[in-house]
Amino acid sequence: MPFHLSETLLLGFLLAMNLLSFCLMGLDKRRAVKGQWRISERALLLFGFFGGSLGGLLGMFLFRHKTKHRKFTVLMPLFLAFHIALLCLPPLAGCFQGGIS
């Protein structure tokens, strides 16, 4: 079944958000090591919430950044579970469109 434009846009958005979230984790870690200006924890979590949870998690563990902060180790996996659930709901909702016969 071919992708619709909305599905393509959603996948593009999620890819961009995850890539950006991953890069922000790496950039913040580099700045932390150098003692430079940092990216706020709120901004990192917002990027995770708005679609970049997988990239944020990968960045956390690859760069060993924010792995001792409970809010990151709890919220990022919760965001990812939420995103996976949202991606799985539309196909399941299609099963119920026909109604009960």
N, C-alpha and C. Protein backbone atom coordinates (compact mmCIF):
# COMPACT_ATOMS: atom_id res chain seq x y z
N MET A 1 0.84 -1.17 0.00
CA MET A 1 0.00 0.00 0.00
C MET A 1 0.89 1.24 0.00
N PRO A 2 0.72 2.16 -0.93
CA PRO A 2 1.59 3.34 -1.00
C PRO A 2 1.33 4.30 0.15
N PHE A 3 2.37 5.05 0.50
CA PHE A 3 2.25 6.05 1.55
C PHE A 3 1.43 7.23 1.06
N HIS A 4 0.64 7.78 1.93
CA HIS A 4 -0.08 9.00 1.64
C HIS A 4 0.82 10.18 2.01
N LEU A 5 0.51 11.35 1.53
CA LEU A 5 1.32 12.53 1.81
C LEU A 5 1.41 12.79 3.31
N SER A 6 0.30 12.62 4.03
CA SER A 6 0.31 12.89 5.46
C SER A 6 1.24 11.92 6.20
N GLU A 7 1.27 10.66 5.78
CA GLU A 7 2.17 9.69 6.40
C GLU A 7 3.62 10.03 6.11
N THR A 8 3.90 10.47 4.89
CA THR A 8 5.25 10.85 4.51
C THR A 8 5.70 12.06 5.32
N LEU A 9 4.82 13.05 5.48
CA LEU A 9 5.14 14.23 6.27
C LEU A 9 5.38 13.87 7.73
N LEU A 10 4.56 12.98 8.28
CA LEU A 10 4.73 12.57 9.66
C LEU A 10 6.07 11.86 9.86
N LEU A 11 6.40 10.95 8.96
CA LEU A 11 7.68 10.25 9.09
C LEU A 11 8.86 11.21 8.93
N GLY A 12 8.74 12.16 8.02
CA GLY A 12 9.79 13.17 7.85
C GLY A 12 9.95 14.02 9.09
N PHE A 13 8.83 14.42 9.67
CA PHE A 13 8.86 15.21 10.90
C PHE A 13 9.52 14.43 12.03
N LEU A 14 9.11 13.17 12.20
CA LEU A 14 9.68 12.36 13.28
C LEU A 14 11.17 12.12 13.07
N LEU A 15 11.57 11.89 11.84
CA LEU A 15 12.99 11.71 11.55
C LEU A 15 13.78 12.97 11.90
N ALA A 16 13.25 14.12 11.49
CA ALA A 16 13.93 15.39 11.77
C ALA A 16 14.00 15.65 13.27
N MET A 17 12.92 15.42 13.99
CA MET A 17 12.90 15.67 15.43
C MET A 17 13.87 14.74 16.16
N ASN A 18 13.93 13.47 15.74
CA ASN A 18 14.84 12.54 16.39
C ASN A 18 16.30 12.87 16.10
N LEU A 19 16.57 13.26 14.88
CA LEU A 19 17.94 13.66 14.53
C LEU A 19 18.34 14.91 15.30
N LEU A 20 17.45 15.87 15.38
CA LEU A 20 17.73 17.10 16.12
C LEU A 20 17.91 16.82 17.61
N SER A 21 17.07 15.99 18.17
CA SER A 21 17.17 15.65 19.58
C SER A 21 18.49 14.94 19.88
N PHE A 22 18.88 14.03 19.00
CA PHE A 22 20.16 13.32 19.15
C PHE A 22 21.33 14.31 19.11
N CYS A 23 21.30 15.20 18.13
CA CYS A 23 22.38 16.19 17.99
C CYS A 23 22.43 17.15 19.18
N LEU A 24 21.27 17.55 19.70
CA LEU A 24 21.24 18.44 20.85
C LEU A 24 21.84 17.78 22.08
N MET A 25 21.61 16.48 22.24
CA MET A 25 22.22 15.76 23.37
C MET A 25 23.74 15.77 23.24
N GLY A 26 24.23 15.50 22.04
CA GLY A 26 25.67 15.52 21.82
C GLY A 26 26.27 16.90 22.01
N LEU A 27 25.60 17.92 21.51
CA LEU A 27 26.07 19.30 21.65
C LEU A 27 26.09 19.72 23.11
N ASP A 28 25.02 19.38 23.85
CA ASP A 28 24.97 19.75 25.26
C ASP A 28 26.06 19.04 26.06
N LYS A 29 26.32 17.79 25.72
CA LYS A 29 27.40 17.06 26.41
C LYS A 29 28.75 17.71 26.14
N ARG A 30 28.99 18.08 24.89
CA ARG A 30 30.26 18.73 24.54
C ARG A 30 30.41 20.05 25.30
N ARG A 31 29.32 20.81 25.36
CA ARG A 31 29.37 22.08 26.07
C ARG A 31 29.54 21.88 27.57
N ALA A 32 28.97 20.82 28.12
CA ALA A 32 29.13 20.53 29.54
C ALA A 32 30.58 20.22 29.86
N VAL A 33 31.23 19.45 29.02
CA VAL A 33 32.63 19.09 29.24
C VAL A 33 33.52 20.32 29.16
N LYS A 34 33.21 21.23 28.24
CA LYS A 34 34.02 22.44 28.05
C LYS A 34 33.64 23.59 28.98
N GLY A 35 32.58 23.40 29.79
CA GLY A 35 32.15 24.44 30.71
C GLY A 35 31.51 25.63 30.00
N GLN A 36 30.89 25.40 28.87
CA GLN A 36 30.28 26.46 28.09
C GLN A 36 28.78 26.55 28.38
N TRP A 37 28.14 27.53 27.70
CA TRP A 37 26.70 27.72 27.81
C TRP A 37 26.00 26.43 27.43
N ARG A 38 24.95 26.08 28.17
CA ARG A 38 24.28 24.79 28.00
C ARG A 38 22.88 24.95 27.44
N ILE A 39 22.38 23.87 26.87
CA ILE A 39 21.00 23.77 26.43
C ILE A 39 20.18 23.38 27.65
N SER A 40 19.06 24.05 27.87
CA SER A 40 18.27 23.78 29.09
C SER A 40 17.70 22.37 29.06
N GLU A 41 17.53 21.81 30.26
CA GLU A 41 16.91 20.50 30.38
C GLU A 41 15.49 20.54 29.84
N ARG A 42 14.81 21.65 30.06
CA ARG A 42 13.44 21.79 29.57
C ARG A 42 13.40 21.68 28.05
N ALA A 43 14.35 22.32 27.37
CA ALA A 43 14.38 22.26 25.91
C ALA A 43 14.64 20.83 25.43
N LEU A 44 15.57 20.14 26.08
CA LEU A 44 15.87 18.76 25.70
C LEU A 44 14.65 17.86 25.88
N LEU A 45 13.94 18.06 26.99
CA LEU A 45 12.74 17.25 27.23
C LEU A 45 11.61 17.61 26.27
N LEU A 46 11.49 18.88 25.92
CA LEU A 46 10.45 19.28 24.96
C LEU A 46 10.69 18.66 23.59
N PHE A 47 11.94 18.63 23.16
CA PHE A 47 12.24 17.98 21.88
C PHE A 47 11.90 16.50 21.95
N GLY A 48 12.16 15.87 23.10
CA GLY A 48 11.78 14.47 23.27
C GLY A 48 10.28 14.28 23.23
N PHE A 49 9.56 15.17 23.89
CA PHE A 49 8.10 15.06 23.95
C PHE A 49 7.46 15.26 22.58
N PHE A 50 7.98 16.19 21.80
CA PHE A 50 7.38 16.52 20.51
C PHE A 50 7.94 15.68 19.36
N GLY A 51 8.34 14.45 19.66
CA GLY A 51 8.68 13.52 18.60
C GLY A 51 10.12 13.03 18.58
N GLY A 52 10.99 13.60 19.39
CA GLY A 52 12.39 13.21 19.35
C GLY A 52 12.83 12.30 20.47
N SER A 53 11.93 11.49 20.99
CA SER A 53 12.26 10.65 22.15
C SER A 53 13.30 9.58 21.83
N LEU A 54 13.19 8.94 20.68
CA LEU A 54 14.16 7.90 20.33
C LEU A 54 15.55 8.51 20.14
N GLY A 55 15.63 9.61 19.43
CA GLY A 55 16.91 10.29 19.25
C GLY A 55 17.48 10.77 20.57
N GLY A 56 16.61 11.26 21.45
CA GLY A 56 17.06 11.69 22.77
C GLY A 56 17.61 10.54 23.58
N LEU A 57 16.91 9.41 23.56
CA LEU A 57 17.40 8.23 24.29
C LEU A 57 18.73 7.73 23.73
N LEU A 58 18.81 7.65 22.42
CA LEU A 58 20.07 7.20 21.81
C LEU A 58 21.20 8.15 22.15
N GLY A 59 20.92 9.46 22.11
CA GLY A 59 21.93 10.45 22.48
C GLY A 59 22.33 10.36 23.93
N MET A 60 21.36 10.11 24.81
CA MET A 60 21.67 9.97 26.23
C MET A 60 22.69 8.86 26.46
N PHE A 61 22.45 7.73 25.84
CA PHE A 61 23.32 6.59 26.13
C PHE A 61 24.59 6.59 25.29
N LEU A 62 24.54 7.07 24.08
CA LEU A 62 25.75 7.13 23.27
C LEU A 62 26.74 8.16 23.82
N PHE A 63 26.23 9.33 24.22
CA PHE A 63 27.10 10.40 24.73
C PHE A 63 27.25 10.35 26.24
N ARG A 64 26.57 9.39 26.89
CA ARG A 64 26.57 9.27 28.36
C ARG A 64 26.22 10.62 28.99
N HIS A 65 25.07 11.11 28.59
CA HIS A 65 24.63 12.44 29.01
C HIS A 65 23.23 12.36 29.60
N LYS A 66 23.06 12.90 30.78
CA LYS A 66 21.77 12.95 31.49
C LYS A 66 21.28 11.57 31.91
N THR A 67 22.16 10.58 31.94
CA THR A 67 21.73 9.22 32.30
C THR A 67 21.55 9.05 33.81
N LYS A 68 22.02 10.00 34.60
CA LYS A 68 21.84 9.92 36.05
C LYS A 68 20.72 10.84 36.53
N HIS A 69 20.06 11.50 35.60
CA HIS A 69 18.95 12.38 35.94
C HIS A 69 17.65 11.60 35.81
N ARG A 70 16.97 11.41 36.92
CA ARG A 70 15.77 10.59 36.93
C ARG A 70 14.72 11.09 35.95
N LYS A 71 14.57 12.41 35.82
CA LYS A 71 13.52 12.89 34.92
C LYS A 71 13.80 12.50 33.48
N PHE A 72 15.07 12.37 33.10
CA PHE A 72 15.39 11.94 31.74
C PHE A 72 15.25 10.43 31.58
N THR A 73 15.70 9.69 32.58
CA THR A 73 15.64 8.22 32.46
C THR A 73 14.21 7.70 32.57
N VAL A 74 13.31 8.50 33.13
CA VAL A 74 11.91 8.09 33.23
C VAL A 74 11.09 8.67 32.07
N LEU A 75 11.23 9.98 31.84
CA LEU A 75 10.38 10.64 30.86
C LEU A 75 10.68 10.26 29.41
N MET A 76 11.95 10.15 29.04
CA MET A 76 12.26 9.84 27.64
C MET A 76 11.68 8.48 27.22
N PRO A 77 11.84 7.41 28.02
CA PRO A 77 11.19 6.15 27.64
C PRO A 77 9.66 6.24 27.62
N LEU A 78 9.08 7.03 28.55
CA LEU A 78 7.63 7.22 28.53
C LEU A 78 7.18 7.94 27.27
N PHE A 79 7.94 8.96 26.87
CA PHE A 79 7.62 9.67 25.63
C PHE A 79 7.69 8.72 24.43
N LEU A 80 8.71 7.86 24.42
CA LEU A 80 8.86 6.91 23.32
C LEU A 80 7.69 5.94 23.29
N ALA A 81 7.29 5.43 24.44
CA ALA A 81 6.13 4.52 24.49
C ALA A 81 4.87 5.22 24.01
N PHE A 82 4.71 6.48 24.38
CA PHE A 82 3.57 7.27 23.93
C PHE A 82 3.58 7.44 22.41
N HIS A 83 4.76 7.73 21.85
CA HIS A 83 4.87 7.92 20.40
C HIS A 83 4.59 6.61 19.65
N ILE A 84 5.09 5.51 20.18
CA ILE A 84 4.83 4.22 19.54
C ILE A 84 3.33 3.91 19.58
N ALA A 85 2.69 4.20 20.71
CA ALA A 85 1.25 3.98 20.82
C ALA A 85 0.49 4.84 19.81
N LEU A 86 0.89 6.09 19.66
CA LEU A 86 0.23 6.97 18.69
C LEU A 86 0.39 6.47 17.27
N LEU A 87 1.56 5.93 16.97
CA LEU A 87 1.79 5.42 15.61
C LEU A 87 1.01 4.14 15.36
N CYS A 88 0.75 3.37 16.40
CA CYS A 88 0.02 2.11 16.24
C CYS A 88 -1.49 2.30 16.25
N LEU A 89 -1.99 3.39 16.83
CA LEU A 89 -3.44 3.59 16.93
C LEU A 89 -4.14 3.79 15.59
N PRO A 90 -3.62 4.58 14.65
CA PRO A 90 -4.37 4.75 13.39
C PRO A 90 -4.66 3.45 12.65
N PRO A 91 -3.71 2.52 12.52
CA PRO A 91 -4.06 1.26 11.86
C PRO A 91 -5.12 0.47 12.64
N LEU A 92 -5.05 0.51 13.96
CA LEU A 92 -6.05 -0.20 14.76
C LEU A 92 -7.41 0.46 14.63
N ALA A 93 -7.44 1.78 14.56
CA ALA A 93 -8.71 2.50 14.43
C ALA A 93 -9.38 2.15 13.11
N GLY A 94 -8.61 1.86 12.07
CA GLY A 94 -9.16 1.48 10.78
C GLY A 94 -9.92 0.17 10.83
N CYS A 95 -9.58 -0.69 11.79
CA CYS A 95 -10.27 -1.97 11.92
C CYS A 95 -11.71 -1.79 12.36
N PHE A 96 -12.02 -0.69 13.04
CA PHE A 96 -13.33 -0.49 13.61
C PHE A 96 -14.22 0.43 12.78
N GLN A 97 -13.74 0.91 11.64
CA GLN A 97 -14.53 1.84 10.84
C GLN A 97 -15.74 1.17 10.20
N GLY A 98 -15.67 -0.10 9.94
CA GLY A 98 -16.78 -0.79 9.29
C GLY A 98 -17.96 -1.00 10.21
N GLY A 99 -17.74 -0.91 11.49
CA GLY A 99 -18.84 -1.13 12.44
C GLY A 99 -19.06 -2.62 12.67
N ILE A 100 -20.04 -2.91 13.47
CA ILE A 100 -20.37 -4.30 13.80
C ILE A 100 -21.44 -4.79 12.85
N SER A 101 -21.22 -5.94 12.28
CA SER A 101 -22.20 -6.50 11.33
C SER A 101 -23.14 -7.47 12.01
